[in-house]
Amino acid sequence: MKSIQQFFLTVIVLACTLTSSLLNAAEVTRGAMLANSCAACHGTDGKSPGSIPAIYGKPASYLAKALMDFRDGKRPSTVMGRHAKAYSDEEIKLIADFFTR
């Protein structure tokens, strides 16, 4: 009887660990998906290949504030305001976190 209880306890612990890992992976995947649209101009890793400002190495707080300012019309832009308008605060945080990984 005790070995059955230990077996079920082990299964429950493993299930909880796996579920937690999958949830974290989903967040990273969502951040990567959202950041994908940035790659054309800023490069896949944020290292811009041309005259577009690089976002590589910038703190997540800086990137998030910049995106929110673009979105809210507080920071002038030609293109970024239009891109940022579609993102929620949560999505902006995921994008910023993705580029500072």
N, C-alpha and C. Protein backbone atom coordinates (compact mmCIF):
# COMPACT_ATOMS: atom_id res chain seq x y z
N MET A 1 0.82 -1.19 0.00
CA MET A 1 0.00 0.00 0.00
C MET A 1 0.87 1.26 0.00
N LYS A 2 1.95 1.23 0.81
CA LYS A 2 2.82 2.39 0.90
C LYS A 2 3.53 2.65 -0.44
N SER A 3 3.91 1.63 -1.15
CA SER A 3 4.59 1.81 -2.44
C SER A 3 3.64 2.40 -3.47
N ILE A 4 2.36 2.09 -3.41
CA ILE A 4 1.37 2.68 -4.32
C ILE A 4 1.23 4.17 -4.03
N GLN A 5 1.21 4.53 -2.76
CA GLN A 5 1.12 5.94 -2.40
C GLN A 5 2.36 6.70 -2.87
N GLN A 6 3.51 6.09 -2.70
CA GLN A 6 4.74 6.73 -3.16
C GLN A 6 4.74 6.89 -4.68
N PHE A 7 4.23 5.88 -5.37
CA PHE A 7 4.15 5.94 -6.83
C PHE A 7 3.27 7.11 -7.26
N PHE A 8 2.08 7.24 -6.68
CA PHE A 8 1.17 8.31 -7.05
C PHE A 8 1.72 9.69 -6.67
N LEU A 9 2.39 9.76 -5.55
CA LEU A 9 3.01 11.02 -5.15
C LEU A 9 4.10 11.42 -6.15
N THR A 10 4.89 10.46 -6.58
CA THR A 10 5.93 10.71 -7.57
C THR A 10 5.31 11.17 -8.89
N VAL A 11 4.25 10.52 -9.31
CA VAL A 11 3.56 10.90 -10.56
C VAL A 11 3.02 12.33 -10.46
N ILE A 12 2.44 12.67 -9.33
CA ILE A 12 1.89 14.02 -9.14
C ILE A 12 3.00 15.06 -9.17
N VAL A 13 4.10 14.80 -8.49
CA VAL A 13 5.22 15.74 -8.48
C VAL A 13 5.78 15.92 -9.89
N LEU A 14 5.96 14.84 -10.62
CA LEU A 14 6.46 14.93 -11.98
C LEU A 14 5.48 15.68 -12.88
N ALA A 15 4.21 15.43 -12.73
CA ALA A 15 3.20 16.13 -13.54
C ALA A 15 3.23 17.62 -13.27
N CYS A 16 3.35 18.01 -12.01
CA CYS A 16 3.41 19.44 -11.67
C CYS A 16 4.66 20.08 -12.24
N THR A 17 5.79 19.39 -12.16
CA THR A 17 7.03 19.91 -12.71
C THR A 17 6.94 20.07 -14.22
N LEU A 18 6.41 19.08 -14.89
CA LEU A 18 6.26 19.13 -16.34
C LEU A 18 5.31 20.24 -16.76
N THR A 19 4.20 20.37 -16.05
CA THR A 19 3.23 21.42 -16.36
C THR A 19 3.87 22.79 -16.21
N SER A 20 4.63 22.99 -15.15
CA SER A 20 5.31 24.27 -14.93
C SER A 20 6.30 24.55 -16.06
N SER A 21 7.04 23.55 -16.47
CA SER A 21 8.01 23.72 -17.56
C SER A 21 7.30 24.07 -18.86
N LEU A 22 6.20 23.41 -19.14
CA LEU A 22 5.46 23.69 -20.37
C LEU A 22 4.88 25.09 -20.37
N LEU A 23 4.40 25.55 -19.24
CA LEU A 23 3.86 26.91 -19.15
C LEU A 23 4.96 27.93 -19.40
N ASN A 24 6.14 27.72 -18.84
CA ASN A 24 7.25 28.63 -19.08
C ASN A 24 7.67 28.61 -20.54
N ALA A 25 7.69 27.44 -21.15
CA ALA A 25 8.04 27.34 -22.56
C ALA A 25 7.03 28.06 -23.43
N ALA A 26 5.75 28.02 -23.06
CA ALA A 26 4.72 28.71 -23.83
C ALA A 26 4.95 30.22 -23.80
N GLU A 27 5.37 30.76 -22.65
CA GLU A 27 5.65 32.18 -22.56
C GLU A 27 6.81 32.57 -23.48
N VAL A 28 7.88 31.80 -23.46
CA VAL A 28 9.03 32.08 -24.31
C VAL A 28 8.62 31.99 -25.77
N THR A 29 7.87 30.98 -26.12
CA THR A 29 7.44 30.80 -27.50
C THR A 29 6.56 31.96 -27.94
N ARG A 30 5.69 32.43 -27.06
CA ARG A 30 4.82 33.55 -27.41
C ARG A 30 5.65 34.83 -27.59
N GLY A 31 6.61 35.05 -26.71
CA GLY A 31 7.48 36.22 -26.84
C GLY A 31 8.27 36.18 -28.13
N ALA A 32 8.78 35.00 -28.48
CA ALA A 32 9.52 34.84 -29.73
C ALA A 32 8.62 35.09 -30.93
N MET A 33 7.40 34.60 -30.86
CA MET A 33 6.46 34.79 -31.96
C MET A 33 6.15 36.28 -32.14
N LEU A 34 5.89 36.97 -31.04
CA LEU A 34 5.58 38.39 -31.12
C LEU A 34 6.78 39.19 -31.61
N ALA A 35 7.97 38.82 -31.18
CA ALA A 35 9.19 39.53 -31.57
C ALA A 35 9.58 39.25 -33.01
N ASN A 36 8.99 38.25 -33.61
CA ASN A 36 9.33 37.88 -34.98
C ASN A 36 9.13 39.05 -35.95
N SER A 37 8.11 39.86 -35.72
CA SER A 37 7.86 40.98 -36.63
C SER A 37 8.93 42.06 -36.52
N CYS A 38 9.70 42.05 -35.44
CA CYS A 38 10.77 43.04 -35.25
C CYS A 38 12.01 42.68 -36.08
N ALA A 39 12.14 41.40 -36.41
CA ALA A 39 13.36 40.89 -37.02
C ALA A 39 13.68 41.51 -38.39
N ALA A 40 12.67 41.84 -39.17
CA ALA A 40 12.92 42.37 -40.51
C ALA A 40 13.76 43.64 -40.46
N CYS A 41 13.53 44.48 -39.47
CA CYS A 41 14.26 45.75 -39.38
C CYS A 41 15.38 45.73 -38.34
N HIS A 42 15.11 45.11 -37.20
CA HIS A 42 16.06 45.15 -36.08
C HIS A 42 16.95 43.93 -36.00
N GLY A 43 16.76 42.96 -36.88
CA GLY A 43 17.55 41.73 -36.87
C GLY A 43 16.95 40.70 -35.92
N THR A 44 17.18 39.42 -36.19
CA THR A 44 16.56 38.37 -35.38
C THR A 44 17.01 38.40 -33.93
N ASP A 45 18.19 38.90 -33.68
CA ASP A 45 18.69 38.97 -32.31
C ASP A 45 18.74 40.40 -31.80
N GLY A 46 18.14 41.34 -32.56
CA GLY A 46 18.13 42.74 -32.16
C GLY A 46 19.34 43.52 -32.61
N LYS A 47 20.25 42.86 -33.32
CA LYS A 47 21.44 43.53 -33.85
C LYS A 47 21.12 43.98 -35.27
N SER A 48 20.74 45.23 -35.41
CA SER A 48 20.29 45.76 -36.69
C SER A 48 21.40 45.71 -37.74
N PRO A 49 21.08 45.18 -38.93
CA PRO A 49 22.08 45.10 -39.98
C PRO A 49 22.29 46.42 -40.73
N GLY A 50 21.44 47.40 -40.49
CA GLY A 50 21.54 48.65 -41.24
C GLY A 50 21.41 49.87 -40.36
N SER A 51 20.70 50.86 -40.89
CA SER A 51 20.57 52.13 -40.18
C SER A 51 19.48 52.14 -39.11
N ILE A 52 18.69 51.08 -39.03
CA ILE A 52 17.65 50.97 -38.00
C ILE A 52 18.35 50.79 -36.65
N PRO A 53 17.88 51.46 -35.61
CA PRO A 53 18.53 51.31 -34.29
C PRO A 53 18.53 49.86 -33.80
N ALA A 54 19.67 49.45 -33.27
CA ALA A 54 19.77 48.11 -32.68
C ALA A 54 19.06 48.11 -31.33
N ILE A 55 18.42 46.99 -31.01
CA ILE A 55 17.76 46.85 -29.71
C ILE A 55 18.47 45.80 -28.85
N TYR A 56 19.49 45.19 -29.40
CA TYR A 56 20.28 44.20 -28.67
C TYR A 56 20.99 44.88 -27.50
N GLY A 57 20.94 44.25 -26.34
CA GLY A 57 21.65 44.75 -25.17
C GLY A 57 20.94 45.83 -24.39
N LYS A 58 19.79 46.28 -24.88
CA LYS A 58 19.01 47.28 -24.15
C LYS A 58 18.25 46.58 -23.03
N PRO A 59 18.10 47.23 -21.88
CA PRO A 59 17.31 46.63 -20.79
C PRO A 59 15.85 46.45 -21.18
N ALA A 60 15.22 45.43 -20.65
CA ALA A 60 13.80 45.17 -20.94
C ALA A 60 12.94 46.37 -20.57
N SER A 61 13.26 47.04 -19.47
CA SER A 61 12.47 48.20 -19.05
C SER A 61 12.55 49.32 -20.08
N TYR A 62 13.72 49.52 -20.68
CA TYR A 62 13.90 50.54 -21.72
C TYR A 62 13.06 50.19 -22.96
N LEU A 63 13.18 48.94 -23.39
CA LEU A 63 12.43 48.52 -24.58
C LEU A 63 10.93 48.61 -24.37
N ALA A 64 10.47 48.16 -23.21
CA ALA A 64 9.03 48.19 -22.91
C ALA A 64 8.52 49.63 -22.90
N LYS A 65 9.26 50.54 -22.25
CA LYS A 65 8.83 51.94 -22.20
C LYS A 65 8.82 52.55 -23.59
N ALA A 66 9.84 52.26 -24.37
CA ALA A 66 9.90 52.80 -25.74
C ALA A 66 8.70 52.32 -26.55
N LEU A 67 8.40 51.02 -26.48
CA LEU A 67 7.26 50.49 -27.24
C LEU A 67 5.93 51.09 -26.76
N MET A 68 5.78 51.23 -25.46
CA MET A 68 4.55 51.84 -24.94
C MET A 68 4.44 53.31 -25.35
N ASP A 69 5.57 54.01 -25.34
CA ASP A 69 5.56 55.41 -25.78
C ASP A 69 5.24 55.52 -27.27
N PHE A 70 5.79 54.63 -28.09
CA PHE A 70 5.43 54.61 -29.52
C PHE A 70 3.94 54.36 -29.67
N ARG A 71 3.45 53.35 -28.97
CA ARG A 71 2.04 52.96 -29.06
C ARG A 71 1.11 54.09 -28.64
N ASP A 72 1.49 54.80 -27.59
CA ASP A 72 0.63 55.84 -27.04
C ASP A 72 0.84 57.21 -27.68
N GLY A 73 1.71 57.28 -28.70
CA GLY A 73 1.95 58.53 -29.40
C GLY A 73 2.82 59.51 -28.63
N LYS A 74 3.52 59.06 -27.61
CA LYS A 74 4.37 59.94 -26.80
C LYS A 74 5.78 60.05 -27.36
N ARG A 75 6.11 59.17 -28.28
CA ARG A 75 7.45 59.17 -28.87
C ARG A 75 7.27 59.22 -30.39
N PRO A 76 7.84 60.22 -31.04
CA PRO A 76 7.65 60.37 -32.48
C PRO A 76 8.30 59.22 -33.26
N SER A 77 7.66 58.85 -34.35
CA SER A 77 8.20 57.77 -35.18
C SER A 77 7.57 57.83 -36.57
N THR A 78 8.19 57.13 -37.48
CA THR A 78 7.60 56.98 -38.81
C THR A 78 6.85 55.66 -38.93
N VAL A 79 7.43 54.61 -38.37
CA VAL A 79 6.85 53.27 -38.50
C VAL A 79 6.48 52.65 -37.16
N MET A 80 7.29 52.87 -36.14
CA MET A 80 7.13 52.16 -34.87
C MET A 80 5.77 52.40 -34.20
N GLY A 81 5.24 53.58 -34.31
CA GLY A 81 3.93 53.86 -33.72
C GLY A 81 2.85 52.95 -34.29
N ARG A 82 2.93 52.71 -35.61
CA ARG A 82 1.95 51.83 -36.26
C ARG A 82 2.13 50.38 -35.82
N HIS A 83 3.37 49.95 -35.66
CA HIS A 83 3.62 48.58 -35.21
C HIS A 83 3.16 48.38 -33.77
N ALA A 84 3.51 49.32 -32.91
CA ALA A 84 3.27 49.17 -31.48
C ALA A 84 1.79 49.29 -31.10
N LYS A 85 1.00 49.95 -31.92
CA LYS A 85 -0.43 50.14 -31.60
C LYS A 85 -1.17 48.83 -31.36
N ALA A 86 -0.73 47.78 -31.99
CA ALA A 86 -1.43 46.50 -31.91
C ALA A 86 -1.13 45.71 -30.64
N TYR A 87 -0.11 46.13 -29.88
CA TYR A 87 0.33 45.32 -28.74
C TYR A 87 -0.26 45.79 -27.42
N SER A 88 -0.63 44.81 -26.59
CA SER A 88 -1.08 45.09 -25.21
C SER A 88 0.17 45.27 -24.34
N ASP A 89 -0.03 45.73 -23.12
CA ASP A 89 1.09 45.87 -22.17
C ASP A 89 1.79 44.53 -21.96
N GLU A 90 1.01 43.47 -21.83
CA GLU A 90 1.58 42.13 -21.62
C GLU A 90 2.43 41.70 -22.82
N GLU A 91 1.94 41.94 -24.01
CA GLU A 91 2.68 41.56 -25.22
C GLU A 91 3.96 42.37 -25.35
N ILE A 92 3.91 43.64 -25.01
CA ILE A 92 5.11 44.48 -25.05
C ILE A 92 6.15 43.94 -24.06
N LYS A 93 5.72 43.54 -22.88
CA LYS A 93 6.64 42.98 -21.89
C LYS A 93 7.28 41.69 -22.43
N LEU A 94 6.50 40.84 -23.07
CA LEU A 94 7.04 39.61 -23.64
C LEU A 94 8.07 39.90 -24.72
N ILE A 95 7.81 40.89 -25.56
CA ILE A 95 8.76 41.26 -26.62
C ILE A 95 10.05 41.80 -25.99
N ALA A 96 9.90 42.70 -25.03
CA ALA A 96 11.08 43.28 -24.38
C ALA A 96 11.90 42.20 -23.69
N ASP A 97 11.24 41.29 -23.01
CA ASP A 97 11.94 40.19 -22.33
C ASP A 97 12.65 39.28 -23.34
N PHE A 98 12.02 39.06 -24.49
CA PHE A 98 12.63 38.20 -25.50
C PHE A 98 13.97 38.77 -25.97
N PHE A 99 14.03 40.07 -26.21
CA PHE A 99 15.26 40.66 -26.72
C PHE A 99 16.33 40.84 -25.66
N THR A 100 16.00 40.67 -24.40
CA THR A 100 17.02 40.79 -23.36
C THR A 100 17.40 39.43 -22.78
N ARG A 101 16.99 38.36 -23.42
CA ARG A 101 17.30 37.02 -22.93
C ARG A 101 18.77 36.71 -23.05
